[in-house]
Amino acid sequence: MNDTLTKILFDKYPVLYRNRLLPETKSRMCDEFQCDNGWFDLLNQLSADLSSVGHKTGVWPIVFQVKEKFGMLCFYYDLSPDKGDLPTGVLGFLKRWIWKRAAARIYERVAQAESESTYTCETCGEKGASLDTRYYYKLTLCRSCMQDRRDRYVQAGREAQRKDLDRMEKEEAENADSVRRHCDA
């Protein structure tokens, strides 16, 4: 993600991304967001939702890394409670109950964002599809960005990558035709 969008997220959600200042041995947030700009809105909404849970419950995830892997968003975080913050007795029970509910909400929201990323173009944020390339690499692109990438490959003389995109587009069209035939039957 470019520096401007990264700065917006870091400035808007400083508690959520507090690990960005730690050394590489403790957190990969020092590498910032390892994905394209198309997922900015997805990350912004996810960050807003996690911050909302944090403000309401006091349960804040510690984000260690955000990246693209296999054509989808990977959001690595930790929710380990500080054992000193969980007293015993009724108050401790209540705090543990709140923590478990908040943890479930955070897990659910992160899983939803990761799932949404599989049909959100990495480059522009429009509706896209997860595509397999040669050597088991996956991309999530819309048709327009796929065409742009194909054009760049042609200009650069990278014939193998262009053929991969042509094959993916053909498979996508065949899948759509088979779904249509199935629905018509």
Protein backbone atom coordinates (compact mmCIF):
# COMPACT_ATOMS: atom_id res chain seq x y z
CA MET A 1 0.00 0.00 0.00
CA ASN A 2 1.34 3.43 -0.76
CA ASP A 3 2.72 5.70 1.97
CA THR A 4 -0.21 8.15 1.93
CA LEU A 5 -2.85 5.48 2.55
CA THR A 6 -0.64 3.77 5.13
CA LYS A 7 -0.23 7.05 7.01
CA ILE A 8 -4.00 7.58 7.00
CA LEU A 9 -4.59 4.20 8.65
CA PHE A 10 -1.75 4.62 11.15
CA ASP A 11 -2.92 8.13 12.11
CA LYS A 12 -6.60 7.20 12.30
CA TYR A 13 -6.09 4.00 14.36
CA PRO A 14 -2.90 4.51 16.43
CA VAL A 15 -3.89 2.07 19.20
CA LEU A 16 -4.74 -0.71 16.78
CA TYR A 17 -1.42 -0.37 14.92
CA ARG A 18 0.72 0.48 17.95
CA ASN A 19 3.22 -2.26 17.05
CA ARG A 20 4.37 -0.45 13.92
CA LEU A 21 7.21 1.14 15.89
CA LEU A 22 8.57 -2.15 17.24
CA PRO A 23 11.61 -3.80 15.65
CA GLU A 24 11.20 -6.45 12.99
CA THR A 25 11.96 -9.22 15.49
CA LYS A 26 8.80 -8.39 17.48
CA SER A 27 6.31 -7.24 14.84
CA ARG A 28 6.06 -7.19 11.04
CA MET A 29 4.02 -3.95 11.13
CA CYS A 30 7.34 -2.17 10.67
CA ASP A 31 6.95 -3.34 7.04
CA GLU A 32 3.60 -1.52 6.99
CA PHE A 33 0.75 -2.97 4.89
CA GLN A 34 2.03 -5.54 2.39
CA CYS A 35 -0.84 -5.31 -0.09
CA ASP A 36 -2.01 -3.08 -2.93
CA ASN A 37 -4.11 0.07 -2.58
CA GLY A 38 -7.35 -1.65 -3.63
CA TRP A 39 -7.87 -3.08 -0.17
CA PHE A 40 -7.59 0.30 1.60
CA ASP A 41 -11.38 0.64 2.07
CA LEU A 42 -11.57 -2.93 3.33
CA LEU A 43 -8.78 -2.31 5.85
CA ASN A 44 -10.22 1.06 6.85
CA GLN A 45 -13.63 -0.47 7.62
CA LEU A 46 -12.06 -3.42 9.45
CA SER A 47 -9.91 -1.04 11.52
CA ALA A 48 -12.96 1.08 12.35
CA ASP A 49 -14.91 -1.99 13.48
CA LEU A 50 -12.03 -3.30 15.61
CA SER A 51 -11.56 0.14 17.15
CA SER A 52 -15.27 0.27 17.95
CA VAL A 53 -15.01 -3.06 19.77
CA GLY A 54 -11.92 -1.78 21.58
CA HIS A 55 -13.63 1.42 22.72
CA LYS A 56 -16.72 -0.44 23.93
CA THR A 57 -14.99 -3.33 25.70
CA GLY A 58 -11.40 -2.31 26.34
CA VAL A 59 -10.23 -5.35 24.35
CA TRP A 60 -7.72 -4.20 21.74
CA PRO A 61 -6.03 -6.61 19.35
CA ILE A 62 -2.29 -6.30 18.86
CA VAL A 63 -1.78 -6.29 15.08
CA PHE A 64 1.47 -7.95 14.02
CA GLN A 65 1.19 -8.09 10.23
CA VAL A 66 -1.18 -7.21 7.40
CA LYS A 67 -0.41 -8.65 3.98
CA GLU A 68 -1.70 -10.30 0.83
CA LYS A 69 -1.15 -14.04 0.66
CA PHE A 70 -2.62 -16.44 -1.91
CA GLY A 71 -4.82 -13.68 -3.32
CA MET A 72 -6.46 -12.82 0.00
CA LEU A 73 -5.93 -10.50 2.93
CA CYS A 74 -4.08 -11.96 5.91
CA PHE A 75 -4.55 -10.01 9.12
CA TYR A 76 -2.32 -11.36 11.92
CA TYR A 77 -3.14 -10.22 15.44
CA ASP A 78 -3.02 -11.32 19.06
CA LEU A 79 -5.68 -11.00 21.75
CA SER A 80 -3.82 -12.41 24.74
CA PRO A 81 -5.34 -10.79 27.81
CA ASP A 82 -3.07 -9.42 30.48
CA LYS A 83 -3.66 -11.86 33.33
CA GLY A 84 -3.23 -9.03 35.86
CA ASP A 85 -6.29 -7.32 34.38
CA LEU A 86 -8.61 -10.26 35.13
CA PRO A 87 -9.49 -10.27 38.83
CA THR A 88 -11.08 -13.22 40.56
CA GLY A 89 -14.64 -13.57 41.80
CA VAL A 90 -17.73 -12.06 40.20
CA LEU A 91 -15.86 -9.10 38.72
CA GLY A 92 -13.29 -11.44 37.19
CA PHE A 93 -16.04 -13.61 35.73
CA LEU A 94 -17.70 -10.55 34.19
CA LYS A 95 -14.43 -9.27 32.72
CA ARG A 96 -13.61 -12.71 31.26
CA TRP A 97 -17.12 -12.91 29.78
CA ILE A 98 -16.71 -9.47 28.16
CA TRP A 99 -13.25 -10.43 26.87
CA LYS A 100 -14.57 -13.67 25.31
CA ARG A 101 -17.45 -11.85 23.62
CA ALA A 102 -15.12 -9.15 22.28
CA ALA A 103 -12.62 -11.76 21.09
CA ALA A 104 -15.38 -13.61 19.23
CA ARG A 105 -16.56 -10.38 17.57
CA ILE A 106 -12.99 -9.46 16.54
CA TYR A 107 -12.34 -12.94 15.13
CA GLU A 108 -15.64 -12.86 13.23
CA ARG A 109 -14.96 -9.42 11.73
CA VAL A 110 -11.38 -10.29 10.69
CA ALA A 111 -12.60 -13.52 9.04
CA GLN A 112 -15.29 -11.54 7.19
CA ALA A 113 -12.74 -9.00 5.89
CA GLU A 114 -10.38 -11.78 4.79
CA SER A 115 -13.26 -13.44 2.95
CA GLU A 116 -14.32 -10.15 1.30
CA SER A 117 -10.78 -9.67 0.02
CA THR A 118 -11.10 -12.78 -2.18
CA TYR A 119 -13.59 -10.93 -4.40
CA THR A 120 -12.21 -7.38 -4.08
CA CYS A 121 -9.62 -6.28 -6.63
CA GLU A 122 -6.23 -5.79 -4.97
CA THR A 123 -5.39 -2.91 -7.28
CA CYS A 124 -8.53 -0.74 -7.49
CA GLY A 125 -11.01 -2.10 -4.92
CA GLU A 126 -13.74 -2.99 -7.44
CA LYS A 127 -15.48 -6.37 -7.57
CA GLY A 128 -12.97 -8.95 -8.73
CA ALA A 129 -12.23 -12.65 -8.76
CA SER A 130 -9.50 -14.80 -7.27
CA LEU A 131 -7.32 -16.10 -10.12
CA ASP A 132 -4.64 -18.80 -10.17
CA THR A 133 -1.43 -18.04 -12.00
CA ARG A 134 1.52 -20.18 -12.92
CA TYR A 135 3.55 -21.54 -10.00
CA TYR A 136 0.51 -21.52 -7.66
CA TYR A 137 0.46 -17.76 -7.22
CA LYS A 138 -3.00 -16.23 -6.76
CA LEU A 139 -4.27 -12.76 -7.58
CA THR A 140 -7.58 -11.05 -6.97
CA LEU A 141 -8.26 -8.69 -9.85
CA CYS A 142 -11.18 -7.10 -11.69
CA ARG A 143 -11.40 -7.35 -15.48
CA SER A 144 -10.01 -3.85 -16.03
CA CYS A 145 -6.93 -4.41 -13.85
CA MET A 146 -6.41 -7.83 -15.40
CA GLN A 147 -6.36 -6.17 -18.84
CA ASP A 148 -3.97 -3.45 -17.62
CA ARG A 149 -1.63 -6.09 -16.22
CA ARG A 150 -1.82 -8.08 -19.46
CA ASP A 151 -0.94 -4.95 -21.45
CA ARG A 152 2.06 -4.28 -19.20
CA TYR A 153 3.25 -7.87 -19.66
CA VAL A 154 2.99 -7.53 -23.45
CA GLN A 155 4.94 -4.26 -23.39
CA ALA A 156 7.60 -5.79 -21.16
CA GLY A 157 7.88 -8.90 -23.34
CA ARG A 158 6.76 -11.22 -20.55
CA GLU A 159 4.86 -13.70 -22.68
CA ALA A 160 4.42 -16.40 -20.01
CA GLN A 161 2.61 -14.03 -17.63
CA ARG A 162 0.37 -12.73 -20.44
CA LYS A 163 -0.57 -16.31 -21.33
CA ASP A 164 -1.42 -16.95 -17.67
CA LEU A 165 -3.84 -14.03 -17.68
CA ASP A 166 -5.38 -15.16 -20.98
CA ARG A 167 -5.89 -18.66 -19.56
CA MET A 168 -7.43 -17.29 -16.34
CA GLU A 169 -9.84 -15.10 -18.28
CA LYS A 170 -10.86 -18.07 -20.47
CA GLU A 171 -11.43 -20.28 -17.38
CA GLU A 172 -13.49 -17.53 -15.74
CA ALA A 173 -15.69 -17.26 -18.85
CA GLU A 174 -16.11 -21.05 -19.01
CA ASN A 175 -17.09 -21.15 -15.32
CA ALA A 176 -19.65 -18.41 -15.85
CA ASP A 177 -21.09 -20.29 -18.86
CA SER A 178 -21.37 -23.54 -16.90
CA VAL A 179 -23.13 -21.72 -14.04
CA ARG A 180 -25.56 -20.15 -16.53
CA ARG A 181 -26.26 -23.54 -18.16
CA HIS A 182 -26.79 -25.09 -14.72
CA CYS A 183 -29.20 -22.32 -13.69
CA ASP A 184 -31.12 -22.56 -16.97
CA ALA A 185 -31.57 -26.33 -16.61
